Each structure stands twice: as C-alpha cells, then as structure tokens.
PDB file of N, CA and C in Angstrom:
ATOM      1  N   MET A   1      61.937 100.160 111.988  1.00  0.00           N
ATOM      2  CA  MET A   1      62.926  99.285 112.600  1.00  0.00           C
ATOM      3  C   MET A   1      64.287 100.020 112.672  1.00  0.00           C
ATOM      4  N   LYS A   2      65.090  99.785 113.653  1.00  0.00           N
ATOM      5  CA  LYS A   2      66.397 100.361 113.755  1.00  0.00           C
ATOM      6  C   LYS A   2      67.325  99.513 112.878  1.00  0.00           C
ATOM      7  N   ILE A   3      68.519 100.100 112.551  1.00  0.00           N
ATOM      8  CA  ILE A   3      69.426  99.516 111.640  1.00  0.00           C
ATOM      9  C   ILE A   3      69.856  98.108 112.086  1.00  0.00           C
ATOM     10  N   GLY A   4      70.129  97.939 113.377  1.00  0.00           N
ATOM     11  CA  GLY A   4      70.614  96.650 113.900  1.00  0.00           C
ATOM     12  C   GLY A   4      69.533  95.570 113.737  1.00  0.00           C
ATOM     13  N   GLU A   5      68.315  95.989 113.898  1.00  0.00           N
ATOM     14  CA  GLU A   5      67.156  95.064 113.766  1.00  0.00           C
ATOM     15  C   GLU A   5      67.011  94.579 112.327  1.00  0.00           C
ATOM     16  N   VAL A   6      67.122  95.534 111.396  1.00  0.00           N
ATOM     17  CA  VAL A   6      67.069  95.186 109.942  1.00  0.00           C
ATOM     18  C   VAL A   6      68.201  94.267 109.586  1.00  0.00           C
ATOM     19  N   ALA A   7      69.382  94.626 110.078  1.00  0.00           N
ATOM     20  CA  ALA A   7      70.596  93.802 109.742  1.00  0.00           C
ATOM     21  C   ALA A   7      70.396  92.360 110.261  1.00  0.00           C
ATOM     22  N   ALA A   8      69.962  92.189 111.449  1.00  0.00           N
ATOM     23  CA  ALA A   8      69.735  90.839 112.033  1.00  0.00           C
ATOM     24  C   ALA A   8      68.653  90.072 111.259  1.00  0.00           C
ATOM     25  N   LYS A   9      67.551  90.691 110.947  1.00  0.00           N
ATOM     26  CA  LYS A   9      66.478  90.010 110.276  1.00  0.00           C
ATOM     27  C   LYS A   9      66.798  89.749 108.772  1.00  0.00           C
ATOM     28  N   ALA A  10      67.578  90.604 108.173  1.00  0.00           N
ATOM     29  CA  ALA A  10      67.957  90.436 106.793  1.00  0.00           C
ATOM     30  C   ALA A  10      69.243  89.571 106.584  1.00  0.00           C
ATOM     31  N   GLY A  11      69.959  89.333 107.639  1.00  0.00           N
ATOM     32  CA  GLY A  11      71.145  88.451 107.534  1.00  0.00           C
ATOM     33  C   GLY A  11      72.291  89.209 106.917  1.00  0.00           C
ATOM     34  N   VAL A  12      72.419  90.487 107.148  1.00  0.00           N
ATOM     35  CA  VAL A  12      73.585  91.276 106.678  1.00  0.00           C
ATOM     36  C   VAL A  12      74.100  92.083 107.835  1.00  0.00           C
ATOM     37  N   SER A  13      75.231  92.713 107.585  1.00  0.00           N
ATOM     38  CA  SER A  13      75.850  93.530 108.668  1.00  0.00           C
ATOM     39  C   SER A  13      75.324  94.981 108.596  1.00  0.00           C
ATOM     40  N   VAL A  14      75.474  95.663 109.680  1.00  0.00           N
ATOM     41  CA  VAL A  14      75.083  97.070 109.735  1.00  0.00           C
ATOM     42  C   VAL A  14      75.869  97.845 108.739  1.00  0.00           C
ATOM     43  N   ASP A  15      77.175  97.512 108.542  1.00  0.00           N
ATOM     44  CA  ASP A  15      78.002  98.162 107.551  1.00  0.00           C
ATOM     45  C   ASP A  15      77.424  97.924 106.156  1.00  0.00           C
ATOM     46  N   THR A  16      76.875  96.809 105.898  1.00  0.00           N
ATOM     47  CA  THR A  16      76.284  96.464 104.590  1.00  0.00           C
ATOM     48  C   THR A  16      75.136  97.439 104.309  1.00  0.00           C
ATOM     49  N   LEU A  17      74.304  97.529 105.309  1.00  0.00           N
ATOM     50  CA  LEU A  17      73.155  98.442 105.127  1.00  0.00           C
ATOM     51  C   LEU A  17      73.594  99.906 104.880  1.00  0.00           C
ATOM     52  N   ARG A  18      74.549 100.340 105.636  1.00  0.00           N
ATOM     53  CA  ARG A  18      75.115 101.657 105.424  1.00  0.00           C
ATOM     54  C   ARG A  18      75.711 101.832 104.025  1.00  0.00           C
ATOM     55  N   PHE A  19      76.340 100.739 103.517  1.00  0.00           N
ATOM     56  CA  PHE A  19      76.895 100.833 102.137  1.00  0.00           C
ATOM     57  C   PHE A  19      75.758 100.847 101.109  1.00  0.00           C
ATOM     58  N   TYR A  20      74.705 100.020 101.364  1.00  0.00           N
ATOM     59  CA  TYR A  20      73.594 100.118 100.438  1.00  0.00           C
ATOM     60  C   TYR A  20      72.904 101.521 100.426  1.00  0.00           C
ATOM     61  N   GLU A  21      72.887 102.071 101.610  1.00  0.00           N
ATOM     62  CA  GLU A  21      72.349 103.464 101.719  1.00  0.00           C
ATOM     63  C   GLU A  21      73.216 104.479 100.918  1.00  0.00           C
ATOM     64  N   GLU A  22      74.563 104.318 101.119  1.00  0.00           N
ATOM     65  CA  GLU A  22      75.491 105.173 100.430  1.00  0.00           C
ATOM     66  C   GLU A  22      75.375 105.053  98.885  1.00  0.00           C
ATOM     67  N   LYS A  23      75.031 103.870  98.440  1.00  0.00           N
ATOM     68  CA  LYS A  23      74.856 103.648  96.998  1.00  0.00           C
ATOM     69  C   LYS A  23      73.482 103.945  96.513  1.00  0.00           C
ATOM     70  N   GLY A  24      72.593 104.375  97.423  1.00  0.00           N
ATOM     71  CA  GLY A  24      71.225 104.844  97.060  1.00  0.00           C
ATOM     72  C   GLY A  24      70.270 103.636  96.813  1.00  0.00           C
ATOM     73  N   LEU A  25      70.655 102.475  97.311  1.00  0.00           N
ATOM     74  CA  LEU A  25      69.790 101.263  97.129  1.00  0.00           C
ATOM     75  C   LEU A  25      68.662 101.271  98.144  1.00  0.00           C
ATOM     76  N   ILE A  26      68.955 101.719  99.353  1.00  0.00           N
ATOM     77  CA  ILE A  26      67.887 101.763 100.411  1.00  0.00           C
ATOM     78  C   ILE A  26      67.921 103.192 100.990  1.00  0.00           C
ATOM     79  N   LYS A  27      66.736 103.640 101.458  1.00  0.00           N
ATOM     80  CA  LYS A  27      66.604 104.998 101.978  1.00  0.00           C
ATOM     81  C   LYS A  27      65.886 104.937 103.329  1.00  0.00           C
ATOM     82  N   PRO A  28      66.648 105.016 104.467  1.00  0.00           N
ATOM     83  CA  PRO A  28      65.971 105.036 105.729  1.00  0.00           C
ATOM     84  C   PRO A  28      65.454 106.429 106.033  1.00  0.00           C
ATOM     85  N   GLY A  29      64.478 106.465 106.917  1.00  0.00           N
ATOM     86  CA  GLY A  29      64.068 107.679 107.498  1.00  0.00           C
ATOM     87  C   GLY A  29      64.916 108.055 108.714  1.00  0.00           C
ATOM     88  N   ARG A  30      64.718 109.159 109.355  1.00  0.00           N
ATOM     89  CA  ARG A  30      65.457 109.529 110.510  1.00  0.00           C
ATOM     90  C   ARG A  30      64.459 109.811 111.645  1.00  0.00           C
ATOM     91  N   ALA A  31      64.792 109.219 112.829  1.00  0.00           N
ATOM     92  CA  ALA A  31      63.937 109.461 113.952  1.00  0.00           C
ATOM     93  C   ALA A  31      64.342 110.832 114.544  1.00  0.00           C
ATOM     94  N   ALA A  32      63.641 111.323 115.498  1.00  0.00           N
ATOM     95  CA  ALA A  32      63.823 112.636 116.124  1.00  0.00           C
ATOM     96  C   ALA A  32      65.310 112.707 116.730  1.00  0.00           C
ATOM     97  N   ASN A  33      65.752 111.517 117.245  1.00  0.00           N
ATOM     98  CA  ASN A  33      67.117 111.422 117.779  1.00  0.00           C
ATOM     99  C   ASN A  33      68.219 111.271 116.777  1.00  0.00           C
ATOM    100  N   GLY A  34      67.837 111.229 115.446  1.00  0.00           N
ATOM    101  CA  GLY A  34      68.824 111.119 114.426  1.00  0.00           C
ATOM    102  C   GLY A  34      69.142 109.683 113.979  1.00  0.00           C
ATOM    103  N   TYR A  35      68.604 108.709 114.669  1.00  0.00           N
ATOM    104  CA  TYR A  35      68.834 107.303 114.323  1.00  0.00           C
ATOM    105  C   TYR A  35      68.137 107.026 113.002  1.00  0.00           C
ATOM    106  N   ARG A  36      68.741 106.104 112.284  1.00  0.00           N
ATOM    107  CA  ARG A  36      68.133 105.600 111.059  1.00  0.00           C
ATOM    108  C   ARG A  36      66.929 104.791 111.428  1.00  0.00           C
ATOM    109  N   PHE A  37      65.869 104.855 110.628  1.00  0.00           N
ATOM    110  CA  PHE A  37      64.648 104.087 110.908  1.00  0.00           C
ATOM    111  C   PHE A  37      64.166 103.549 109.551  1.00  0.00           C
ATOM    112  N   TYR A  38      64.005 102.189 109.514  1.00  0.00           N
ATOM    113  CA  TYR A  38      63.733 101.594 108.245  1.00  0.00           C
ATOM    114  C   TYR A  38      62.361 101.091 108.181  1.00  0.00           C
ATOM    115  N   ALA A  39      61.642 101.166 107.056  1.00  0.00           N
ATOM    116  CA  ALA A  39      60.342 100.607 106.855  1.00  0.00           C
ATOM    117  C   ALA A  39      60.411  99.066 106.703  1.00  0.00           C
ATOM    118  N   GLU A  40      59.313  98.417 106.999  1.00  0.00           N
ATOM    119  CA  GLU A  40      59.289  96.920 106.896  1.00  0.00           C
ATOM    120  C   GLU A  40      59.657  96.518 105.519  1.00  0.00           C
ATOM    121  N   GLN A  41      59.291  97.293 104.508  1.00  0.00           N
ATOM    122  CA  GLN A  41      59.635  96.945 103.076  1.00  0.00           C
ATOM    123  C   GLN A  41      61.132  96.805 102.821  1.00  0.00           C
ATOM    124  N   THR A  42      61.953  97.362 103.681  1.00  0.00           N
ATOM    125  CA  THR A  42      63.374  97.324 103.505  1.00  0.00           C
ATOM    126  C   THR A  42      63.926  95.904 103.547  1.00  0.00           C
ATOM    127  N   LEU A  43      63.253  95.077 104.353  1.00  0.00           N
ATOM    128  CA  LEU A  43      63.672  93.665 104.418  1.00  0.00           C
ATOM    129  C   LEU A  43      63.494  92.982 103.040  1.00  0.00           C
ATOM    130  N   GLN A  44      62.424  93.245 102.368  1.00  0.00           N
ATOM    131  CA  GLN A  44      62.255  92.621 101.011  1.00  0.00           C
ATOM    132  C   GLN A  44      63.299  93.194 100.078  1.00  0.00           C
ATOM    133  N   LEU A  45      63.512  94.450 100.199  1.00  0.00           N
ATOM    134  CA  LEU A  45      64.479  95.120  99.281  1.00  0.00           C
ATOM    135  C   LEU A  45      65.923  94.542  99.494  1.00  0.00           C
ATOM    136  N   VAL A  46      66.273  94.433 100.731  1.00  0.00           N
ATOM    137  CA  VAL A  46      67.654  93.863 101.024  1.00  0.00           C
ATOM    138  C   VAL A  46      67.695  92.402 100.498  1.00  0.00           C
ATOM    139  N   GLY A  47      66.618  91.652 100.688  1.00  0.00           N
ATOM    140  CA  GLY A  47      66.586  90.319 100.147  1.00  0.00           C
ATOM    141  C   GLY A  47      66.734  90.209  98.635  1.00  0.00           C
ATOM    142  N   TYR A  48      66.027  91.187  97.966  1.00  0.00           N
ATOM    143  CA  TYR A  48      66.207  91.232  96.512  1.00  0.00           C
ATOM    144  C   TYR A  48      67.673  91.650  96.122  1.00  0.00           C
ATOM    145  N   ILE A  49      68.289  92.583  96.823  1.00  0.00           N
ATOM    146  CA  ILE A  49      69.596  92.950  96.547  1.00  0.00           C
ATOM    147  C   ILE A  49      70.585  91.766  96.711  1.00  0.00           C
ATOM    148  N   LYS A  50      70.406  91.029  97.763  1.00  0.00           N
ATOM    149  CA  LYS A  50      71.244  89.831  97.978  1.00  0.00           C
ATOM    150  C   LYS A  50      71.071  88.831  96.848  1.00  0.00           C
ATOM    151  N   LEU A  51      69.835  88.498  96.540  1.00  0.00           N
ATOM    152  CA  LEU A  51      69.529  87.593  95.490  1.00  0.00           C
ATOM    153  C   LEU A  51      70.100  88.045  94.121  1.00  0.00           C
ATOM    154  N   ALA A  52      69.923  89.285  93.785  1.00  0.00           N
ATOM    155  CA  ALA A  52      70.426  89.831  92.576  1.00  0.00           C
ATOM    156  C   ALA A  52      71.936  89.737  92.488  1.00  0.00           C
ATOM    157  N   GLN A  53      72.620  89.960  93.600  1.00  0.00           N
ATOM    158  CA  GLN A  53      74.074  89.841  93.632  1.00  0.00           C
ATOM    159  C   GLN A  53      74.443  88.385  93.331  1.00  0.00           C
ATOM    160  N   GLN A  54      73.735  87.462  94.009  1.00  0.00           N
ATOM    161  CA  GLN A  54      74.010  86.057  93.795  1.00  0.00           C
ATOM    162  C   GLN A  54      73.757  85.644  92.366  1.00  0.00           C
ATOM    163  N   LEU A  55      72.871  86.305  91.665  1.00  0.00           N
ATOM    164  CA  LEU A  55      72.611  86.031  90.213  1.00  0.00           C
ATOM    165  C   LEU A  55      73.625  86.698  89.333  1.00  0.00           C
ATOM    166  N   GLY A  56      74.614  87.437  89.870  1.00  0.00           N
ATOM    167  CA  GLY A  56      75.680  88.019  89.079  1.00  0.00           C
ATOM    168  C   GLY A  56      75.433  89.499  88.718  1.00  0.00           C
ATOM    169  N   PHE A  57      74.460  90.167  89.276  1.00  0.00           N
ATOM    170  CA  PHE A  57      74.207  91.556  88.936  1.00  0.00           C
ATOM    171  C   PHE A  57      75.042  92.427  89.854  1.00  0.00           C
ATOM    172  N   SER A  58      75.641  93.493  89.308  1.00  0.00           N
ATOM    173  CA  SER A  58      76.398  94.469  90.078  1.00  0.00           C
ATOM    174  C   SER A  58      75.414  95.353  90.872  1.00  0.00           C
ATOM    175  N   LEU A  59      76.017  96.015  91.830  1.00  0.00           N
ATOM    176  CA  LEU A  59      75.141  96.952  92.624  1.00  0.00           C
ATOM    177  C   LEU A  59      74.646  98.061  91.738  1.00  0.00           C
ATOM    178  N   ARG A  60      75.441  98.466  90.738  1.00  0.00           N
ATOM    179  CA  ARG A  60      75.031  99.545  89.847  1.00  0.00           C
ATOM    180  C   ARG A  60      73.838  99.025  89.020  1.00  0.00           C
ATOM    181  N   GLU A  61      73.880  97.737  88.491  1.00  0.00           N
ATOM    182  CA  GLU A  61      72.761  97.207  87.796  1.00  0.00           C
ATOM    183  C   GLU A  61      71.527  97.075  88.655  1.00  0.00           C
ATOM    184  N   ILE A  62      71.739  96.689  89.871  1.00  0.00           N
ATOM    185  CA  ILE A  62      70.611  96.497  90.790  1.00  0.00           C
ATOM    186  C   ILE A  62      69.983  97.891  91.024  1.00  0.00           C
ATOM    187  N   GLY A  63      70.789  98.871  91.288  1.00  0.00           N
ATOM    188  CA  GLY A  63      70.204 100.185  91.531  1.00  0.00           C
ATOM    189  C   GLY A  63      69.481 100.760  90.327  1.00  0.00           C
ATOM    190  N   GLU A  64      69.941 100.489  89.108  1.00  0.00           N
ATOM    191  CA  GLU A  64      69.324 100.938  87.897  1.00  0.00           C
ATOM    192  C   GLU A  64      67.938 100.280  87.727  1.00  0.00           C
ATOM    193  N   ASN A  65      67.807  99.058  88.176  1.00  0.00           N
ATOM    194  CA  ASN A  65      66.610  98.278  87.959  1.00  0.00           C
ATOM    195  C   ASN A  65      65.668  98.173  89.146  1.00  0.00           C
ATOM    196  N   LEU A  66      66.067  98.710  90.333  1.00  0.00           N
ATOM    197  CA  LEU A  66      65.152  98.683  91.452  1.00  0.00           C
ATOM    198  C   LEU A  66      63.704  99.220  91.269  1.00  0.00           C
ATOM    199  N   PRO A  67      63.595 100.344  90.478  1.00  0.00           N
ATOM    200  CA  PRO A  67      62.253 100.845  90.278  1.00  0.00           C
ATOM    201  C   PRO A  67      61.351  99.874  89.567  1.00  0.00           C
ATOM    202  N   LEU A  68      61.869  98.920  88.811  1.00  0.00           N
ATOM    203  CA  LEU A  68      61.039  97.937  88.121  1.00  0.00           C
ATOM    204  C   LEU A  68      60.302  97.018  89.103  1.00  0.00           C
ATOM    205  N   LEU A  69      60.882  96.891  90.246  1.00  0.00           N
ATOM    206  CA  LEU A  69      60.315  95.934  91.175  1.00  0.00           C
ATOM    207  C   LEU A  69      58.970  96.455  91.754  1.00  0.00           C
ATOM    208  N   TRP A  70      58.832  97.712  91.859  1.00  0.00           N
ATOM    209  CA  TRP A  70      57.674  98.263  92.579  1.00  0.00           C
ATOM    210  C   TRP A  70      56.594  98.753  91.747  1.00  0.00           C
ATOM    211  N   THR A  71      56.748  98.612  90.346  1.00  0.00           N
ATOM    212  CA  THR A  71      55.739  99.161  89.473  1.00  0.00           C
ATOM    213  C   THR A  71      54.557  98.113  89.400  1.00  0.00           C
ATOM    214  N   GLY A  72      54.884  96.827  89.345  1.00  0.00           N
ATOM    215  CA  GLY A  72      53.865  95.830  89.306  1.00  0.00           C
ATOM    216  C   GLY A  72      53.250  95.717  87.901  1.00  0.00           C
ATOM    217  N   GLU A  73      53.834  96.394  86.943  1.00  0.00           N
ATOM    218  CA  GLU A  73      53.308  96.396  85.581  1.00  0.00           C
ATOM    219  C   GLU A  73      53.931  95.211  84.772  1.00  0.00           C
ATOM    220  N   GLU A  74      53.198  94.771  83.873  1.00  0.00           N
ATOM    221  CA  GLU A  74      53.694  93.664  82.946  1.00  0.00           C
ATOM    222  C   GLU A  74      54.906  94.071  82.202  1.00  0.00           C
ATOM    223  N   ALA A  75      55.018  95.311  81.818  1.00  0.00           N
ATOM    224  CA  ALA A  75      56.212  95.811  81.115  1.00  0.00           C
ATOM    225  C   ALA A  75      57.440  95.702  81.926  1.00  0.00           C
ATOM    226  N   SER A  76      57.356  95.910  83.240  1.00  0.00           N
ATOM    227  CA  SER A  76      58.497  95.731  84.152  1.00  0.00           C
ATOM    228  C   SER A  76      58.912  94.332  84.172  1.00  0.00           C
ATOM    229  N   THR A  77      57.946  93.368  84.255  1.00  0.00           N
ATOM    230  CA  THR A  77      58.269  91.902  84.247  1.00  0.00           C
ATOM    231  C   THR A  77      58.984  91.597  82.972  1.00  0.00           C
ATOM    232  N   ASP A  78      58.562  92.064  81.822  1.00  0.00           N
ATOM    233  CA  ASP A  78      59.139  91.753  80.527  1.00  0.00           C
ATOM    234  C   ASP A  78      60.589  92.307  80.518  1.00  0.00           C
ATOM    235  N   LEU A  79      60.790  93.530  81.072  1.00  0.00           N
ATOM    236  CA  LEU A  79      62.105  94.099  81.013  1.00  0.00           C
ATOM    237  C   LEU A  79      63.031  93.285  81.974  1.00  0.00           C
ATOM    238  N   LEU A  80      62.519  92.863  83.130  1.00  0.00           N
ATOM    239  CA  LEU A  80      63.399  92.026  84.049  1.00  0.00           C
ATOM    240  C   LEU A  80      63.732  90.748  83.279  1.00  0.00           C
ATOM    241  N   ALA A  81      62.788  90.065  82.588  1.00  0.00           N
ATOM    242  CA  ALA A  81      63.056  88.925  81.827  1.00  0.00           C
ATOM    243  C   ALA A  81      64.183  89.134  80.817  1.00  0.00           C
ATOM    244  N   LYS A  82      64.085  90.268  80.150  1.00  0.00           N
ATOM    245  CA  LYS A  82      65.094  90.663  79.151  1.00  0.00           C
ATOM    246  C   LYS A  82      66.490  90.793  79.823  1.00  0.00           C
ATOM    247  N   LEU A  83      66.523  91.455  80.961  1.00  0.00           N
ATOM    248  CA  LEU A  83      67.756  91.582  81.702  1.00  0.00           C
ATOM    249  C   LEU A  83      68.363  90.252  82.077  1.00  0.00           C
ATOM    250  N   PHE A  84      67.532  89.322  82.487  1.00  0.00           N
ATOM    251  CA  PHE A  84      67.941  88.023  82.845  1.00  0.00           C
ATOM    252  C   PHE A  84      68.508  87.284  81.583  1.00  0.00           C
ATOM    253  N   ALA A  85      67.848  87.429  80.474  1.00  0.00           N
ATOM    254  CA  ALA A  85      68.233  86.763  79.234  1.00  0.00           C
ATOM    255  C   ALA A  85      69.659  87.354  78.839  1.00  0.00           C
ATOM    256  N   GLU A  86      69.812  88.650  79.027  1.00  0.00           N
ATOM    257  CA  GLU A  86      71.125  89.282  78.677  1.00  0.00           C
ATOM    258  C   GLU A  86      72.216  88.754  79.580  1.00  0.00           C
ATOM    259  N   LYS A  87      71.951  88.589  80.854  1.00  0.00           N
ATOM    260  CA  LYS A  87      72.900  88.018  81.770  1.00  0.00           C
ATOM    261  C   LYS A  87      73.246  86.656  81.438  1.00  0.00           C
ATOM    262  N   ILE A  88      72.258  85.807  81.020  1.00  0.00           N
ATOM    263  CA  ILE A  88      72.493  84.427  80.626  1.00  0.00           C
ATOM    264  C   ILE A  88      73.404  84.392  79.357  1.00  0.00           C
ATOM    265  N   ALA A  89      73.116  85.280  78.418  1.00  0.00           N
ATOM    266  CA  ALA A  89      73.941  85.285  77.194  1.00  0.00           C
ATOM    267  C   ALA A  89      75.437  85.680  77.529  1.00  0.00           C
ATOM    268  N   LEU A  90      75.614  86.657  78.460  1.00  0.00           N
ATOM    269  CA  LEU A  90      76.955  87.008  78.928  1.00  0.00           C
ATOM    270  C   LEU A  90      77.630  85.813  79.569  1.00  0.00           C
ATOM    271  N   LEU A  91      76.933  85.121  80.424  1.00  0.00           N
ATOM    272  CA  LEU A  91      77.515  83.903  81.086  1.00  0.00           C
ATOM    273  C   LEU A  91      77.886  82.811  80.035  1.00  0.00           C
ATOM    274  N   ASP A  92      77.031  82.628  79.098  1.00  0.00           N
ATOM    275  CA  ASP A  92      77.300  81.679  78.048  1.00  0.00           C
ATOM    276  C   ASP A  92      78.563  81.990  77.255  1.00  0.00           C
ATOM    277  N   GLU A  93      78.714  83.312  76.972  1.00  0.00           N
ATOM    278  CA  GLU A  93      79.957  83.783  76.324  1.00  0.00           C
ATOM    279  C   GLU A  93      81.132  83.495  77.180  1.00  0.00           C
ATOM    280  N   ARG A  94      81.102  83.832  78.452  1.00  0.00           N
ATOM    281  CA  ARG A  94      82.179  83.645  79.379  1.00  0.00           C
ATOM    282  C   ARG A  94      82.513  82.082  79.498  1.00  0.00           C
ATOM    283  N   ILE A  95      81.506  81.281  79.527  1.00  0.00           N
ATOM    284  CA  ILE A  95      81.712  79.807  79.643  1.00  0.00           C
ATOM    285  C   ILE A  95      82.446  79.350  78.423  1.00  0.00           C
ATOM    286  N   GLY A  96      82.028  79.874  77.225  1.00  0.00           N
ATOM    287  CA  GLY A  96      82.723  79.442  75.987  1.00  0.00           C
ATOM    288  C   GLY A  96      84.190  79.869  75.981  1.00  0.00           C
ATOM    289  N   GLN A  97      84.430  81.052  76.506  1.00  0.00           N
ATOM    290  CA  GLN A  97      85.828  81.570  76.658  1.00  0.00           C
ATOM    291  C   GLN A  97      86.659  80.660  77.602  1.00  0.00           C
ATOM    292  N   MET A  98      86.009  80.275  78.672  1.00  0.00           N
ATOM    293  CA  MET A  98      86.710  79.397  79.671  1.00  0.00           C
ATOM    294  C   MET A  98      86.975  77.991  79.050  1.00  0.00           C
ATOM    295  N   HIS A  99      86.025  77.490  78.264  1.00  0.00           N
ATOM    296  CA  HIS A  99      86.253  76.223  77.584  1.00  0.00           C
ATOM    297  C   HIS A  99      87.450  76.315  76.565  1.00  0.00           C
ATOM    298  N   ASP A 100      87.477  77.456  75.869  1.00  0.00           N
ATOM    299  CA  ASP A 100      88.580  77.599  74.873  1.00  0.00           C
ATOM    300  C   ASP A 100      89.903  77.670  75.666  1.00  0.00           C
ATOM    301  N   LEU A 101      89.954  78.390  76.811  1.00  0.00           N
ATOM    302  CA  LEU A 101      91.171  78.539  77.620  1.00  0.00           C
ATOM    303  C   LEU A 101      91.517  77.182  78.206  1.00  0.00           C
ATOM    304  N   ARG A 102      90.583  76.332  78.598  1.00  0.00           N
ATOM    305  CA  ARG A 102      90.842  75.066  79.136  1.00  0.00           C
ATOM    306  C   ARG A 102      91.462  74.129  78.071  1.00  0.00           C
ATOM    307  N   LYS A 103      90.908  74.187  76.899  1.00  0.00           N
ATOM    308  CA  LYS A 103      91.399  73.419  75.749  1.00  0.00           C
ATOM    309  C   LYS A 103      92.862  73.782  75.439  1.00  0.00           C
ATOM    310  N   LEU A 104      93.145  75.084  75.363  1.00  0.00           N
ATOM    311  CA  LEU A 104      94.537  75.519  75.099  1.00  0.00           C
ATOM    312  C   LEU A 104      95.502  75.083  76.190  1.00  0.00           C
ATOM    313  N   LEU A 105      95.093  75.184  77.458  1.00  0.00           N
ATOM    314  CA  LEU A 105      95.906  74.763  78.502  1.00  0.00           C
ATOM    315  C   LEU A 105      96.217  73.214  78.475  1.00  0.00           C
ATOM    316  N   ALA A 106      95.165  72.474  78.140  1.00  0.00           N
ATOM    317  CA  ALA A 106      95.305  70.994  78.042  1.00  0.00           C
ATOM    318  C   ALA A 106      96.214  70.653  76.908  1.00  0.00           C
ATOM    319  N   GLU A 107      96.124  71.389  75.777  1.00  0.00           N
ATOM    320  CA  GLU A 107      97.092  71.090  74.619  1.00  0.00           C
ATOM    321  C   GLU A 107      98.461  71.453  75.022  1.00  0.00           C
ATOM    322  N   ARG A 108      98.687  72.545  75.777  1.00  0.00           N
ATOM    323  CA  ARG A 108     100.058  72.974  76.164  1.00  0.00           C
ATOM    324  C   ARG A 108     100.591  72.063  77.231  1.00  0.00           C
ATOM    325  N   ALA A 109      99.784  71.493  78.059  1.00  0.00           N
ATOM    326  CA  ALA A 109     100.241  70.670  79.171  1.00  0.00           C
ATOM    327  C   ALA A 109     100.964  69.399  78.695  1.00  0.00           C
ATOM    328  N   VAL A 110     100.604  68.918  77.539  1.00  0.00           N
ATOM    329  CA  VAL A 110     101.214  67.672  77.032  1.00  0.00           C
ATOM    330  C   VAL A 110     102.462  67.935  76.177  1.00  0.00           C
ATOM    331  N   GLN A 111     102.764  69.161  75.886  1.00  0.00           N
ATOM    332  CA  GLN A 111     103.987  69.425  75.158  1.00  0.00           C
ATOM    333  C   GLN A 111     105.231  69.369  76.048  1.00  0.00           C
ATOM    334  N   VAL A 112     106.376  69.184  75.349  1.00  0.00           N
ATOM    335  CA  VAL A 112     107.621  69.077  76.122  1.00  0.00           C
ATOM    336  C   VAL A 112     107.924  70.334  76.978  1.00  0.00           C
ATOM    337  N   CYS A 113     107.696  71.493  76.352  1.00  0.00           N
ATOM    338  CA  CYS A 113     107.775  72.782  76.934  1.00  0.00           C
ATOM    339  C   CYS A 113     106.514  73.451  76.732  1.00  0.00           C
ATOM    340  N   PRO A 114     105.583  73.532  77.740  1.00  0.00           N
ATOM    341  CA  PRO A 114     104.187  74.078  77.533  1.00  0.00           C
ATOM    342  C   PRO A 114     104.254  75.516  77.195  1.00  0.00           C
ATOM    343  N   LEU A 115     105.293  76.276  77.435  1.00  0.00           N
ATOM    344  CA  LEU A 115     105.291  77.708  77.147  1.00  0.00           C
ATOM    345  C   LEU A 115     105.683  78.020  75.691  1.00  0.00           C
ATOM    346  N   MET A 116     106.238  77.032  75.048  1.00  0.00           N
ATOM    347  CA  MET A 116     106.654  77.213  73.682  1.00  0.00           C
ATOM    348  C   MET A 116     105.585  76.749  72.720  1.00  0.00           C
ATOM    349  N   GLY A 117     105.411  77.443  71.620  1.00  0.00           N
ATOM    350  CA  GLY A 117     104.380  77.029  70.648  1.00  0.00           C
ATOM    351  C   GLY A 117     104.841  75.766  69.957  1.00  0.00           C
ATOM    352  N   ALA A 118     103.931  75.100  69.304  1.00  0.00           N
ATOM    353  CA  ALA A 118     104.223  73.880  68.538  1.00  0.00           C
ATOM    354  C   ALA A 118     105.239  74.299  67.480  1.00  0.00           C
ATOM    355  N   GLY A 119     106.326  73.523  67.405  1.00  0.00           N
ATOM    356  CA  GLY A 119     107.307  73.660  66.364  1.00  0.00           C
ATOM    357  C   GLY A 119     108.280  74.787  66.640  1.00  0.00           C
ATOM    358  N   GLN A 120     108.201  75.531  67.727  1.00  0.00           N
ATOM    359  CA  GLN A 120     109.168  76.525  68.105  1.00  0.00           C
ATOM    360  C   GLN A 120     110.265  76.012  68.933  1.00  0.00           C
ATOM    361  N   ILE A 121     111.418  76.535  68.696  1.00  0.00           N
ATOM    362  CA  ILE A 121     112.617  75.957  69.393  1.00  0.00           C
ATOM    363  C   ILE A 121     113.072  77.114  70.351  1.00  0.00           C
ATOM    364  N   ALA A 122     113.299  76.781  71.596  1.00  0.00           N
ATOM    365  CA  ALA A 122     113.736  77.769  72.646  1.00  0.00           C
ATOM    366  C   ALA A 122     115.101  78.277  72.298  1.00  0.00           C
ATOM    367  N   ALA A 123     115.274  79.611  72.469  1.00  0.00           N
ATOM    368  CA  ALA A 123     116.611  80.228  72.237  1.00  0.00           C
ATOM    369  C   ALA A 123     117.499  79.869  73.387  1.00  0.00           C
ATOM    370  N   SER A 124     118.745  79.548  73.066  1.00  0.00           N
ATOM    371  CA  SER A 124     119.682  79.199  74.208  1.00  0.00           C
ATOM    372  C   SER A 124     120.416  80.354  74.723  1.00  0.00           C
TER     373      SER A 124
END
C-alpha cells in the first residue's frame, strides 16, 4: 500500500506515518520509483501505536516493546501485563498527588489570604 492509502485506512496523517518511520516504529519498503510501500501488517501496527498512546505509553516505550507483539510467546504476554501493571501504579501515584494538591488548594481557598500560610502575617 502507498503511504496515503495507509494513512486513510489507519486514520492518521501522512506526516504521522513519516514521523513513526523516523522513530523506527514502522519500516516501509521502497518501490522501484522510490515511493514508500507498506505491508498490510502496518495497519495493525499503527492501530497498536495509537492505542498504546491512548493508554499513556510514550513513543519510546512503544518502540521498546514492539517486538513483544510479534513473538506470540506467553513470556511476551506476561511482560506486557507487567508493563501495564507498572503504568497503573504510576497513574495511581499521580492520582494520589493530584488528590493531595486538590486538598491543599481547597484548604487555601477558604483562608483570608490563600497565599499566606496559616498563622502567617503578611509583611506591609
């Protein structure tokens, strides 16, 4: 498939495909005329990249873990499950930090001067 065809079928821009290629995430072949030519499997790969990004994985992380998708071995499934568990733990940590920040903001919002600490007097 040509780059425009892949872009249309995958729901991404041609520039996105070129960017993925630059990052080593996809590897097109070249036709005799020099045009990029993509295998049918590229559609699945681009779909995976998009989904992984939606799940919070960076392109670097995606690139590091792409080989796991194609092995079909149980070990790769276990490793992907571990990566997901690590991402969940990171999100839980961030959610906790956001809850702490929200609590602090709520406490400050009811003070006479929210920027001053409790019991502190502003310098004149």
